[in-house]
N, C-alpha and C. Protein backbone atom coordinates (compact mmCIF):
# COMPACT_ATOMS: atom_id res chain seq x y z
N MET A 1 0.86 -1.54 0.09
CA MET A 1 -0.15 -0.04 -0.28
C MET A 1 0.78 1.12 -0.05
N ALA A 2 1.64 1.56 0.68
CA ALA A 2 2.96 2.31 0.67
C ALA A 2 3.47 2.68 -0.20
N ARG A 3 3.62 1.50 -0.96
CA ARG A 3 4.24 2.22 -2.41
C ARG A 3 3.11 2.74 -3.71
N LYS A 4 1.77 2.41 -3.44
CA LYS A 4 1.14 3.27 -4.44
C LYS A 4 0.92 4.76 -3.62
N SER A 5 0.81 5.00 -2.60
CA SER A 5 0.79 5.92 -1.84
C SER A 5 1.84 7.50 -2.41
N ARG A 6 3.26 6.42 -2.30
CA ARG A 6 4.25 7.06 -2.81
C ARG A 6 4.54 7.19 -4.61
N ARG A 7 3.66 6.32 -4.99
CA ARG A 7 3.93 7.18 -6.93
C ARG A 7 2.46 7.79 -6.95
N GLU A 8 1.66 8.33 -5.55
CA GLU A 8 0.36 8.90 -6.50
C GLU A 8 1.11 10.45 -5.88
N GLU A 9 1.62 10.59 -4.62
CA GLU A 9 2.41 12.18 -4.56
C GLU A 9 3.13 12.06 -5.63
N GLN A 10 4.04 11.01 -6.16
CA GLN A 10 5.17 11.52 -7.03
C GLN A 10 4.42 12.01 -8.30
N ARG A 11 2.92 11.52 -8.60
CA ARG A 11 2.41 12.00 -10.23
C ARG A 11 1.93 13.02 -9.73
N LYS A 12 1.06 13.84 -8.52
CA LYS A 12 1.17 14.73 -8.23
C LYS A 12 2.15 15.98 -8.35
N ARG A 13 3.54 15.60 -7.75
CA ARG A 13 4.26 16.39 -7.90
C ARG A 13 4.92 16.58 -9.36
N GLN A 14 5.02 15.69 -9.89
CA GLN A 14 5.29 16.23 -11.26
C GLN A 14 4.23 16.78 -11.84
N ALA A 15 2.85 16.46 -11.56
CA ALA A 15 1.74 17.52 -12.54
C ALA A 15 2.23 18.82 -12.07
N ALA A 16 2.43 19.38 -10.78
CA ALA A 16 2.46 20.39 -10.18
C ALA A 16 3.78 20.63 -11.08
N VAL A 17 5.00 20.18 -11.17
CA VAL A 17 5.66 20.51 -11.95
C VAL A 17 5.52 21.04 -13.51
N ARG A 18 5.09 20.46 -13.96
CA ARG A 18 4.84 20.63 -15.29
C ARG A 18 4.05 21.63 -15.49
N GLU A 19 2.89 21.44 -14.65
CA GLU A 19 1.84 23.13 -14.98
C GLU A 19 2.79 24.38 -14.00
N ALA A 20 3.27 24.66 -13.56
CA ALA A 20 4.11 25.23 -13.61
C ALA A 20 4.86 25.84 -14.50
N ALA A 21 6.24 24.73 -14.96
CA ALA A 21 6.38 25.57 -16.09
C ALA A 21 6.09 25.61 -17.12
N LYS A 22 4.29 25.41 -17.67
CA LYS A 22 3.43 25.68 -18.67
C LYS A 22 3.18 27.21 -18.31
N GLU A 23 2.33 27.56 -17.06
CA GLU A 23 2.43 28.84 -16.68
C GLU A 23 3.85 29.45 -17.20
N ARG A 24 4.56 29.17 -16.83
CA ARG A 24 5.69 29.88 -16.65
C ARG A 24 6.67 29.95 -18.37
N ARG A 25 5.77 29.42 -19.34
CA ARG A 25 6.36 28.99 -20.59
C ARG A 25 7.84 28.35 -21.12
N ARG A 26 7.87 27.99 -19.51
CA ARG A 26 9.45 27.37 -19.73
C ARG A 26 9.60 25.91 -20.68
N PRO A 27 10.77 26.42 -22.17
CA PRO A 27 10.30 25.16 -22.61
C PRO A 27 11.51 23.75 -21.93
N GLY A 28 11.11 22.93 -22.50
CA GLY A 28 12.10 21.78 -21.96
C GLY A 28 12.92 20.95 -22.85
N ARG A 29 13.80 20.04 -22.48
CA ARG A 29 14.93 19.79 -23.03
C ARG A 29 14.33 18.85 -24.36
N ASP A 30 13.59 18.36 -24.82
CA ASP A 30 12.67 17.71 -25.95
C ASP A 30 12.44 19.69 -26.57
N ASP A 31 12.24 20.28 -26.29
CA ASP A 31 11.84 21.25 -27.12
C ASP A 31 13.07 21.85 -27.40
N PHE A 32 14.20 22.01 -26.76
CA PHE A 32 15.49 22.22 -27.47
C PHE A 32 16.06 21.12 -28.13
N ALA A 33 16.28 19.67 -28.02
CA ALA A 33 16.53 19.06 -28.97
C ALA A 33 16.00 19.14 -30.51
N ARG A 34 14.33 19.56 -30.11
CA ARG A 34 13.25 19.47 -31.80
C ARG A 34 14.33 21.15 -32.16
N MET A 35 14.42 21.84 -31.64
CA MET A 35 15.02 23.08 -32.59
C MET A 35 16.17 22.99 -32.61
N LEU A 36 16.82 22.46 -31.85
CA LEU A 36 18.48 22.48 -32.37
C LEU A 36 18.45 21.34 -33.90
N LEU A 37 17.94 20.20 -33.61
CA LEU A 37 18.15 19.21 -34.75
C LEU A 37 17.33 19.70 -36.10
N TRP A 38 15.92 20.86 -35.74
CA TRP A 38 15.66 21.36 -37.01
C TRP A 38 16.94 22.34 -37.88
N LEU A 39 17.28 23.27 -36.50
CA LEU A 39 18.26 23.91 -37.01
C LEU A 39 19.52 23.76 -37.94
N THR A 40 19.90 22.64 -37.57
CA THR A 40 21.23 21.71 -37.54
C THR A 40 20.90 21.20 -39.39
N ILE A 41 19.71 20.52 -39.64
CA ILE A 41 19.23 20.04 -40.94
C ILE A 41 19.26 20.89 -41.94
N ARG A 42 18.07 22.16 -41.51
CA ARG A 42 18.02 23.38 -42.36
C ARG A 42 19.61 23.88 -42.70
N LYS A 43 20.40 24.22 -41.71
CA LYS A 43 21.33 24.76 -41.92
C LYS A 43 22.18 23.92 -43.20
N ALA A 44 22.33 22.49 -42.76
CA ALA A 44 23.14 21.33 -43.95
C ALA A 44 22.27 21.53 -45.16
N HIS A 45 21.37 21.89 -45.30
CA HIS A 45 20.88 21.87 -46.55
C HIS A 45 20.95 23.37 -47.32
N ALA A 46 21.11 24.35 -46.50
CA ALA A 46 21.65 25.81 -46.87
C ALA A 46 23.44 25.36 -47.56
N GLU A 47 23.99 24.90 -46.66
CA GLU A 47 25.57 24.08 -47.39
C GLU A 47 25.44 23.74 -48.63
N ALA A 48 24.59 22.77 -48.67
CA ALA A 48 24.32 21.56 -49.66
C ALA A 48 24.12 22.54 -50.80
N ARG A 49 23.26 23.47 -50.68
CA ARG A 49 22.86 24.10 -51.49
C ARG A 49 23.77 24.81 -52.39
N LYS A 50 24.35 25.69 -51.21
CA LYS A 50 25.55 26.47 -51.53
C LYS A 50 26.88 25.93 -52.42
N GLN A 51 27.13 24.37 -51.74
CA GLN A 51 28.33 23.55 -52.59
C GLN A 51 27.68 23.12 -53.98
N GLN A 52 26.52 22.78 -53.76
CA GLN A 52 26.17 22.08 -55.16
C GLN A 52 25.92 20.52 -54.77
N SER A 53 26.05 20.16 -53.44
CA SER A 53 26.60 18.71 -53.06
C SER A 53 25.73 18.15 -51.91
N ARG A 54 25.38 17.02 -52.00
CA ARG A 54 24.86 16.29 -50.98
C ARG A 54 25.78 16.43 -49.59
N ALA A 55 27.31 16.35 -49.66
CA ALA A 55 28.59 16.37 -48.40
C ALA A 55 27.57 16.86 -47.10
N PRO A 56 27.48 18.09 -47.12
CA PRO A 56 27.34 18.68 -45.61
C PRO A 56 25.85 17.84 -44.96
N LEU A 57 25.07 17.06 -45.87
CA LEU A 57 23.80 16.24 -45.40
C LEU A 57 24.23 15.26 -44.83
N ASP A 58 25.12 14.42 -46.07
CA ASP A 58 25.58 12.83 -45.81
C ASP A 58 26.75 12.96 -44.40
N THR A 59 27.17 14.08 -44.01
CA THR A 59 27.91 14.22 -43.02
C THR A 59 27.05 13.92 -41.97
N LEU A 60 26.47 14.39 -41.83
CA LEU A 60 25.39 15.11 -40.42
C LEU A 60 24.62 13.61 -40.21
N CYS A 61 23.86 13.21 -41.33
CA CYS A 61 23.75 11.51 -41.24
C CYS A 61 24.65 10.86 -40.99
N THR A 62 25.56 10.39 -41.07
CA THR A 62 26.31 9.92 -40.57
C THR A 62 26.88 10.02 -39.10
N ILE A 63 27.39 10.93 -38.86
CA ILE A 63 27.06 11.14 -37.19
C ILE A 63 26.38 11.46 -36.80
N LEU A 64 24.85 11.52 -36.59
CA LEU A 64 23.51 11.20 -36.11
C LEU A 64 23.53 9.94 -36.14
N VAL A 65 24.02 9.01 -36.70
CA VAL A 65 23.63 7.59 -37.23
C VAL A 65 24.48 6.53 -36.67
N SER A 66 25.87 6.73 -36.11
CA SER A 66 26.77 5.98 -35.77
C SER A 66 27.17 6.33 -34.70
N ASN A 67 26.14 7.28 -33.91
CA ASN A 67 25.93 7.70 -32.53
C ASN A 67 24.72 6.95 -32.23
N LEU A 68 23.75 6.61 -32.84
CA LEU A 68 22.44 6.21 -32.38
C LEU A 68 22.50 4.73 -32.43
N GLU A 69 24.07 4.42 -33.28
CA GLU A 69 23.63 2.75 -34.02
C GLU A 69 24.67 2.46 -32.16
N LEU A 70 25.18 3.42 -32.12
CA LEU A 70 26.63 3.27 -30.59
C LEU A 70 25.16 2.94 -28.94
N GLN A 71 24.18 3.43 -29.21
CA GLN A 71 23.31 3.27 -28.44
C GLN A 71 22.34 2.32 -28.74
N GLY A 72 22.51 1.91 -29.67
CA GLY A 72 21.70 0.49 -29.67
C GLY A 72 20.64 0.44 -30.48
N PHE A 73 20.77 1.22 -31.54
CA PHE A 73 19.78 1.65 -32.35
C PHE A 73 19.82 1.53 -34.38
N ASP A 74 19.47 0.53 -34.72
CA ASP A 74 19.44 -0.07 -35.91
C ASP A 74 19.75 0.75 -36.65
N ALA A 75 20.78 1.07 -37.91
CA ALA A 75 21.73 1.73 -38.77
C ALA A 75 20.12 2.03 -39.43
N ASP A 76 20.25 0.84 -40.13
CA ASP A 76 19.13 1.43 -41.29
C ASP A 76 17.67 2.21 -41.11
N GLU A 77 17.29 1.50 -39.83
CA GLU A 77 16.39 2.59 -39.34
C GLU A 77 16.28 3.81 -38.73
N ALA A 78 17.61 3.99 -38.24
CA ALA A 78 17.95 5.63 -38.28
C ALA A 78 17.96 6.13 -39.58
N GLU A 79 18.57 5.63 -40.25
CA GLU A 79 18.89 6.29 -41.63
C GLU A 79 17.79 6.62 -42.42
N ASP A 80 16.50 6.06 -42.25
CA ASP A 80 15.17 6.20 -42.60
C ASP A 80 14.86 7.17 -42.27
N VAL A 81 14.57 7.52 -40.84
CA VAL A 81 14.30 8.45 -39.98
C VAL A 81 15.14 9.77 -40.50
N PHE A 82 16.70 9.93 -40.59
CA PHE A 82 16.76 11.02 -40.99
C PHE A 82 16.40 11.47 -42.40
N ALA A 83 16.14 10.58 -43.53
CA ALA A 83 15.67 10.29 -44.81
C ALA A 83 14.32 11.29 -44.37
N MET A 84 13.46 11.20 -44.02
CA MET A 84 12.29 11.55 -43.86
C MET A 84 12.39 13.04 -42.87
N LEU A 85 13.08 13.10 -42.11
CA LEU A 85 13.31 14.58 -41.12
C LEU A 85 13.99 15.52 -42.41
N GLU A 86 14.99 15.26 -43.36
CA GLU A 86 15.72 15.70 -43.89
C GLU A 86 14.81 16.32 -45.45
N HIS A 87 13.68 15.19 -45.53
CA HIS A 87 12.93 15.96 -46.44
C HIS A 87 11.62 17.19 -46.14
N LYS A 88 11.34 16.59 -44.61
CA LYS A 88 10.47 17.33 -44.23
C LYS A 88 10.82 18.51 -43.56
N TYR A 89 12.01 18.78 -42.90
CA TYR A 89 12.67 19.95 -42.45
C TYR A 89 12.86 21.47 -43.16
N PRO A 90 13.32 20.92 -44.61
CA PRO A 90 13.64 22.43 -45.52
C PRO A 90 11.97 23.23 -45.99
N SER A 91 11.42 21.99 -46.14
CA SER A 91 9.73 22.75 -46.34
C SER A 91 8.51 23.24 -45.32
N GLN A 92 9.67 22.91 -43.71
CA GLN A 92 8.14 22.87 -42.31
C GLN A 92 8.89 24.38 -42.20
N ILE A 93 7.87 24.81 -42.21
CA ILE A 93 7.89 26.31 -40.91
C ILE A 93 8.45 26.52 -39.79
N GLY A 94 8.22 25.12 -38.67
CA GLY A 94 8.77 25.17 -37.63
C GLY A 94 8.91 23.76 -37.24
N PRO A 95 9.92 23.57 -36.35
CA PRO A 95 9.96 22.23 -36.09
C PRO A 95 8.80 21.74 -34.80
N GLY A 96 8.26 21.03 -35.09
CA GLY A 96 7.35 20.33 -34.33
C GLY A 96 5.49 20.84 -34.87
N ARG A 97 4.96 21.25 -33.55
CA ARG A 97 3.60 21.61 -34.05
C ARG A 97 3.74 22.76 -33.06
N ILE A 98 2.88 24.25 -33.20
CA ILE A 98 2.76 25.56 -33.02
C ILE A 98 2.03 25.05 -31.28
N LYS A 99 2.77 26.22 -30.57
CA LYS A 99 2.58 25.68 -28.72
C LYS A 99 1.23 27.12 -28.63
N ARG A 100 0.36 26.48 -29.52
CA ARG A 100 -0.84 28.03 -29.31
C ARG A 100 -1.35 28.31 -28.09
N HIS A 101 -0.94 27.36 -27.12
CA HIS A 101 -1.25 27.74 -25.65
C HIS A 101 -0.23 28.93 -24.99
N LEU A 102 1.16 28.99 -25.56
CA LEU A 102 1.85 30.20 -25.19
C LEU A 102 1.70 31.27 -25.87
N GLY A 103 1.28 31.17 -27.24
CA GLY A 103 0.62 32.62 -28.13
C GLY A 103 2.28 32.75 -28.99
N ARG A 104 2.19 33.50 -29.78
CA ARG A 104 3.33 33.70 -30.65
C ARG A 104 3.66 35.23 -30.64
N SER A 105 4.83 35.48 -30.49
CA SER A 105 5.93 36.57 -30.35
C SER A 105 6.45 37.24 -31.92
N CYS A 106 6.92 35.79 -32.54
CA CYS A 106 7.61 36.12 -34.06
C CYS A 106 7.10 35.14 -34.77
N GLU A 107 7.41 35.32 -35.44
CA GLU A 107 6.67 34.21 -36.88
C GLU A 107 8.19 32.53 -36.76
N ALA A 108 7.60 31.43 -36.33
CA ALA A 108 8.37 30.51 -36.03
C ALA A 108 9.20 30.08 -37.84
N GLY A 109 9.82 30.08 -37.32
CA GLY A 109 10.80 29.45 -38.28
C GLY A 109 12.23 30.00 -38.72
N GLU A 110 11.75 31.24 -38.77
CA GLU A 110 12.86 32.43 -39.00
C GLU A 110 14.11 31.83 -38.65
N LEU A 111 15.77 31.62 -39.60
CA LEU A 111 16.34 31.83 -38.78
C LEU A 111 17.50 33.34 -38.46
N PRO A 112 17.75 33.28 -37.18
CA PRO A 112 18.38 34.50 -36.95
C PRO A 112 19.48 34.78 -37.42
N SER A 113 19.30 36.17 -37.37
CA SER A 113 20.67 36.40 -38.39
C SER A 113 21.88 36.68 -37.43
N SER A 114 22.94 36.31 -38.31
CA SER A 114 23.81 35.82 -37.42
C SER A 114 25.16 36.49 -38.26
């Protein structure tokens, strides 16, 4: 019985943490990871167009797939997922769904000037 009540307390505590993060509009680790991957693929596409070569995309794919393979993922499956993202991200305005509950202060998908 004690185990169930500890789980219930943990569930309530975690729900409160998520609610507080939502109220503060605090992005999570997955939000940063999704944005970083999207920006990286977009940048590799821009480089590939500039060089008129797939080399930047192939290099990125090799790095990602080899590291995922070290974690135990299937290399062919990882390459398939990368190919899907590679085709999807350049035409996509922004990574993932728009978080309507957060509002939008700028146009998603615009790369910052550097």
